[in-house]
Structure formats: structure tokens, C-alpha cells
Amino acid sequence: MHAVLVQAVAGNAVIAKTPTEGGVACLALASALAAREGVPLTLLGGSAGS
């Protein structure tokens, strides 16, 4: 999450992949808190595969 925030604050577009061993809730919470503080951040979700 640290690298995501550094890039977002620098004005770069960032895509974060959720960890395969869990961590979705932590990433969602961190993204929500960052967005609440005004960091231009959007979290997208989806499933892999076709």
C-alpha cells in the first residue's frame, strides 16, 4: 500500500493487485481511508479468468 500511496500522491495512475493469500479487506480499508483524506484513489475489483 505504501508504494500505491507514493505514486498516487505524485499524480501517477496506479493499479494494485490484491494479494492471493488474502488481504482484500486490508487493501479495501486502506483505499477507503486514503480516498476519505482526499488522495485520488479508486479501488476496482473483479475475478480472474474468462
PDB file of N, CA and C in Angstrom:
ATOM      1  N   MET A   1       0.825  -1.185   0.000  1.00  0.00           N
ATOM      2  CA  MET A   1       0.000   0.000   0.000  1.00  0.00           C
ATOM      3  C   MET A   1       0.872   1.254   0.000  1.00  0.00           C
ATOM      4  N   HIS A   2       2.033   1.180   0.615  1.00  0.00           N
ATOM      5  CA  HIS A   2       2.917   2.334   0.669  1.00  0.00           C
ATOM      6  C   HIS A   2       3.295   2.798  -0.732  1.00  0.00           C
ATOM      7  N   ALA A   3       3.679   1.873  -1.587  1.00  0.00           N
ATOM      8  CA  ALA A   3       4.068   2.225  -2.957  1.00  0.00           C
ATOM      9  C   ALA A   3       2.888   2.815  -3.736  1.00  0.00           C
ATOM     10  N   VAL A   4       1.698   2.305  -3.492  1.00  0.00           N
ATOM     11  CA  VAL A   4       0.493   2.823  -4.150  1.00  0.00           C
ATOM     12  C   VAL A   4       0.270   4.271  -3.743  1.00  0.00           C
ATOM     13  N   LEU A   5       0.369   4.557  -2.459  1.00  0.00           N
ATOM     14  CA  LEU A   5       0.139   5.924  -1.975  1.00  0.00           C
ATOM     15  C   LEU A   5       1.195   6.895  -2.489  1.00  0.00           C
ATOM     16  N   VAL A   6       2.445   6.468  -2.526  1.00  0.00           N
ATOM     17  CA  VAL A   6       3.512   7.334  -3.036  1.00  0.00           C
ATOM     18  C   VAL A   6       3.235   7.717  -4.482  1.00  0.00           C
ATOM     19  N   GLN A   7       2.867   6.744  -5.296  1.00  0.00           N
ATOM     20  CA  GLN A   7       2.599   7.021  -6.703  1.00  0.00           C
ATOM     21  C   GLN A   7       1.341   7.856  -6.885  1.00  0.00           C
ATOM     22  N   ALA A   8       0.298   7.603  -6.111  1.00  0.00           N
ATOM     23  CA  ALA A   8      -0.948   8.366  -6.225  1.00  0.00           C
ATOM     24  C   ALA A   8      -0.730   9.826  -5.840  1.00  0.00           C
ATOM     25  N   VAL A   9       0.000  10.060  -4.754  1.00  0.00           N
ATOM     26  CA  VAL A   9       0.270  11.428  -4.317  1.00  0.00           C
ATOM     27  C   VAL A   9       1.146  12.163  -5.338  1.00  0.00           C
ATOM     28  N   ALA A  10       2.012  11.421  -6.028  1.00  0.00           N
ATOM     29  CA  ALA A  10       2.865  12.022  -7.053  1.00  0.00           C
ATOM     30  C   ALA A  10       2.090  12.333  -8.332  1.00  0.00           C
ATOM     31  N   GLY A  11       0.829  11.901  -8.396  1.00  0.00           N
ATOM     32  CA  GLY A  11      -0.005  12.204  -9.557  1.00  0.00           C
ATOM     33  C   GLY A  11      -0.002  11.129 -10.622  1.00  0.00           C
ATOM     34  N   ASN A  12       0.551   9.975 -10.319  1.00  0.00           N
ATOM     35  CA  ASN A  12       0.593   8.879 -11.282  1.00  0.00           C
ATOM     36  C   ASN A  12      -0.617   7.969 -11.121  1.00  0.00           C
ATOM     37  N   ALA A  13      -1.034   7.341 -12.211  1.00  0.00           N
ATOM     38  CA  ALA A  13      -2.093   6.343 -12.150  1.00  0.00           C
ATOM     39  C   ALA A  13      -1.510   5.061 -11.552  1.00  0.00           C
ATOM     40  N   VAL A  14      -2.280   4.405 -10.720  1.00  0.00           N
ATOM     41  CA  VAL A  14      -1.795   3.218 -10.023  1.00  0.00           C
ATOM     42  C   VAL A  14      -2.826   2.100 -10.144  1.00  0.00           C
ATOM     43  N   ILE A  15      -2.351   0.900 -10.413  1.00  0.00           N
ATOM     44  CA  ILE A  15      -3.202  -0.286 -10.386  1.00  0.00           C
ATOM     45  C   ILE A  15      -2.617  -1.224  -9.341  1.00  0.00           C
ATOM     46  N   ALA A  16      -3.427  -1.610  -8.371  1.00  0.00           N
ATOM     47  CA  ALA A  16      -2.960  -2.505  -7.309  1.00  0.00           C
ATOM     48  C   ALA A  16      -3.654  -3.844  -7.441  1.00  0.00           C
ATOM     49  N   LYS A  17      -2.878  -4.911  -7.394  1.00  0.00           N
ATOM     50  CA  LYS A  17      -3.423  -6.266  -7.432  1.00  0.00           C
ATOM     51  C   LYS A  17      -3.557  -6.757  -5.999  1.00  0.00           C
ATOM     52  N   THR A  18      -4.697  -7.344  -5.700  1.00  0.00           N
ATOM     53  CA  THR A  18      -4.883  -7.868  -4.350  1.00  0.00           C
ATOM     54  C   THR A  18      -4.024  -9.110  -4.154  1.00  0.00           C
ATOM     55  N   PRO A  19      -3.522  -9.307  -2.948  1.00  0.00           N
ATOM     56  CA  PRO A  19      -2.692 -10.478  -2.675  1.00  0.00           C
ATOM     57  C   PRO A  19      -3.480 -11.781  -2.844  1.00  0.00           C
ATOM     58  N   THR A  20      -2.829 -12.827  -3.305  1.00  0.00           N
ATOM     59  CA  THR A  20      -3.512 -14.102  -3.496  1.00  0.00           C
ATOM     60  C   THR A  20      -3.810 -14.790  -2.169  1.00  0.00           C
ATOM     61  N   GLU A  21      -3.063 -14.494  -1.147  1.00  0.00           N
ATOM     62  CA  GLU A  21      -3.255 -15.110   0.164  1.00  0.00           C
ATOM     63  C   GLU A  21      -4.098 -14.235   1.087  1.00  0.00           C
ATOM     64  N   GLY A  22      -5.118 -13.608   0.565  1.00  0.00           N
ATOM     65  CA  GLY A  22      -5.955 -12.743   1.381  1.00  0.00           C
ATOM     66  C   GLY A  22      -5.453 -11.319   1.337  1.00  0.00           C
ATOM     67  N   GLY A  23      -5.982 -10.477   2.163  1.00  0.00           N
ATOM     68  CA  GLY A  23      -5.557  -9.094   2.203  1.00  0.00           C
ATOM     69  C   GLY A  23      -6.487  -8.155   1.473  1.00  0.00           C
ATOM     70  N   VAL A  24      -7.580  -8.688   0.906  1.00  0.00           N
ATOM     71  CA  VAL A  24      -8.524  -7.848   0.187  1.00  0.00           C
ATOM     72  C   VAL A  24      -9.161  -6.833   1.137  1.00  0.00           C
ATOM     73  N   ALA A  25      -9.542  -7.271   2.326  1.00  0.00           N
ATOM     74  CA  ALA A  25     -10.178  -6.373   3.289  1.00  0.00           C
ATOM     75  C   ALA A  25      -9.226  -5.261   3.709  1.00  0.00           C
ATOM     76  N   CYS A  26      -7.964  -5.602   3.923  1.00  0.00           N
ATOM     77  CA  CYS A  26      -6.970  -4.609   4.320  1.00  0.00           C
ATOM     78  C   CYS A  26      -6.754  -3.585   3.209  1.00  0.00           C
ATOM     79  N   LEU A  27      -6.647  -4.052   1.977  1.00  0.00           N
ATOM     80  CA  LEU A  27      -6.464  -3.147   0.836  1.00  0.00           C
ATOM     81  C   LEU A  27      -7.687  -2.252   0.649  1.00  0.00           C
ATOM     82  N   ALA A  28      -8.878  -2.816   0.814  1.00  0.00           N
ATOM     83  CA  ALA A  28     -10.109  -2.037   0.685  1.00  0.00           C
ATOM     84  C   ALA A  28     -10.196  -0.971   1.772  1.00  0.00           C
ATOM     85  N   LEU A  29      -9.850  -1.321   3.000  1.00  0.00           N
ATOM     86  CA  LEU A  29      -9.880  -0.366   4.106  1.00  0.00           C
ATOM     87  C   LEU A  29      -8.863   0.750   3.891  1.00  0.00           C
ATOM     88  N   ALA A  30      -7.649   0.390   3.506  1.00  0.00           N
ATOM     89  CA  ALA A  30      -6.616   1.401   3.266  1.00  0.00           C
ATOM     90  C   ALA A  30      -7.010   2.328   2.123  1.00  0.00           C
ATOM     91  N   SER A  31      -7.608   1.785   1.080  1.00  0.00           N
ATOM     92  CA  SER A  31      -8.053   2.610  -0.048  1.00  0.00           C
ATOM     93  C   SER A  31      -9.172   3.551   0.372  1.00  0.00           C
ATOM     94  N   ALA A  32     -10.106   3.050   1.158  1.00  0.00           N
ATOM     95  CA  ALA A  32     -11.211   3.882   1.632  1.00  0.00           C
ATOM     96  C   ALA A  32     -10.714   5.023   2.517  1.00  0.00           C
ATOM     97  N   LEU A  33      -9.764   4.721   3.396  1.00  0.00           N
ATOM     98  CA  LEU A  33      -9.223   5.768   4.274  1.00  0.00           C
ATOM     99  C   LEU A  33      -8.445   6.814   3.474  1.00  0.00           C
ATOM    100  N   ALA A  34      -7.692   6.360   2.479  1.00  0.00           N
ATOM    101  CA  ALA A  34      -6.939   7.299   1.646  1.00  0.00           C
ATOM    102  C   ALA A  34      -7.888   8.184   0.840  1.00  0.00           C
ATOM    103  N   ALA A  35      -8.929   7.593   0.269  1.00  0.00           N
ATOM    104  CA  ALA A  35      -9.907   8.371  -0.507  1.00  0.00           C
ATOM    105  C   ALA A  35     -10.632   9.370   0.396  1.00  0.00           C
ATOM    106  N   ARG A  36     -10.921   8.971   1.618  1.00  0.00           N
ATOM    107  CA  ARG A  36     -11.594   9.859   2.572  1.00  0.00           C
ATOM    108  C   ARG A  36     -10.739  11.086   2.896  1.00  0.00           C
ATOM    109  N   GLU A  37      -9.416  10.908   2.862  1.00  0.00           N
ATOM    110  CA  GLU A  37      -8.499  12.012   3.139  1.00  0.00           C
ATOM    111  C   GLU A  37      -8.164  12.830   1.896  1.00  0.00           C
ATOM    112  N   GLY A  38      -8.767  12.494   0.756  1.00  0.00           N
ATOM    113  CA  GLY A  38      -8.580  13.309  -0.436  1.00  0.00           C
ATOM    114  C   GLY A  38      -7.541  12.800  -1.420  1.00  0.00           C
ATOM    115  N   VAL A  39      -6.941  11.635  -1.149  1.00  0.00           N
ATOM    116  CA  VAL A  39      -5.990  11.063  -2.101  1.00  0.00           C
ATOM    117  C   VAL A  39      -6.804  10.516  -3.278  1.00  0.00           C
ATOM    118  N   PRO A  40      -6.465  10.909  -4.519  1.00  0.00           N
ATOM    119  CA  PRO A  40      -7.247  10.464  -5.667  1.00  0.00           C
ATOM    120  C   PRO A  40      -7.031   8.971  -5.936  1.00  0.00           C
ATOM    121  N   LEU A  41      -7.818   8.138  -5.296  1.00  0.00           N
ATOM    122  CA  LEU A  41      -7.615   6.703  -5.339  1.00  0.00           C
ATOM    123  C   LEU A  41      -8.946   6.012  -5.575  1.00  0.00           C
ATOM    124  N   THR A  42      -8.952   5.040  -6.466  1.00  0.00           N
ATOM    125  CA  THR A  42     -10.139   4.227  -6.722  1.00  0.00           C
ATOM    126  C   THR A  42      -9.739   2.766  -6.696  1.00  0.00           C
ATOM    127  N   LEU A  43     -10.494   1.959  -6.015  1.00  0.00           N
ATOM    128  CA  LEU A  43     -10.223   0.526  -5.937  1.00  0.00           C
ATOM    129  C   LEU A  43     -11.207  -0.207  -6.831  1.00  0.00           C
ATOM    130  N   LEU A  44     -10.676  -0.987  -7.759  1.00  0.00           N
ATOM    131  CA  LEU A  44     -11.501  -1.786  -8.660  1.00  0.00           C
ATOM    132  C   LEU A  44     -11.419  -3.244  -8.256  1.00  0.00           C
ATOM    133  N   GLY A  45     -12.488  -3.971  -8.477  1.00  0.00           N
ATOM    134  CA  GLY A  45     -12.496  -5.387  -8.150  1.00  0.00           C
ATOM    135  C   GLY A  45     -12.986  -6.200  -9.334  1.00  0.00           C
ATOM    136  N   GLY A  46     -12.707  -7.464  -9.286  1.00  0.00           N
ATOM    137  CA  GLY A  46     -13.163  -8.351 -10.347  1.00  0.00           C
ATOM    138  C   GLY A  46     -12.596  -9.732 -10.132  1.00  0.00           C
ATOM    139  N   SER A  47     -12.992 -10.654 -10.982  1.00  0.00           N
ATOM    140  CA  SER A  47     -12.474 -12.003 -10.871  1.00  0.00           C
ATOM    141  C   SER A  47     -11.573 -12.319 -12.044  1.00  0.00           C
ATOM    142  N   ALA A  48     -10.610 -13.156 -11.803  1.00  0.00           N
ATOM    143  CA  ALA A  48      -9.681 -13.549 -12.861  1.00  0.00           C
ATOM    144  C   ALA A  48     -10.296 -14.658 -13.698  1.00  0.00           C
ATOM    145  N   GLY A  49      -9.754 -14.840 -14.853  1.00  0.00           N
ATOM    146  CA  GLY A  49     -10.235 -15.903 -15.716  1.00  0.00           C
ATOM    147  C   GLY A  49     -11.223 -15.395 -16.745  1.00  0.00           C
ATOM    148  N   SER A  50     -11.601 -16.291 -17.622  1.00  0.00           N
ATOM    149  CA  SER A  50     -12.550 -15.878 -18.653  1.00  0.00           C
ATOM    150  C   SER A  50     -13.703 -16.832 -18.748  1.00  0.00           C
TER     151      SER A  50
END
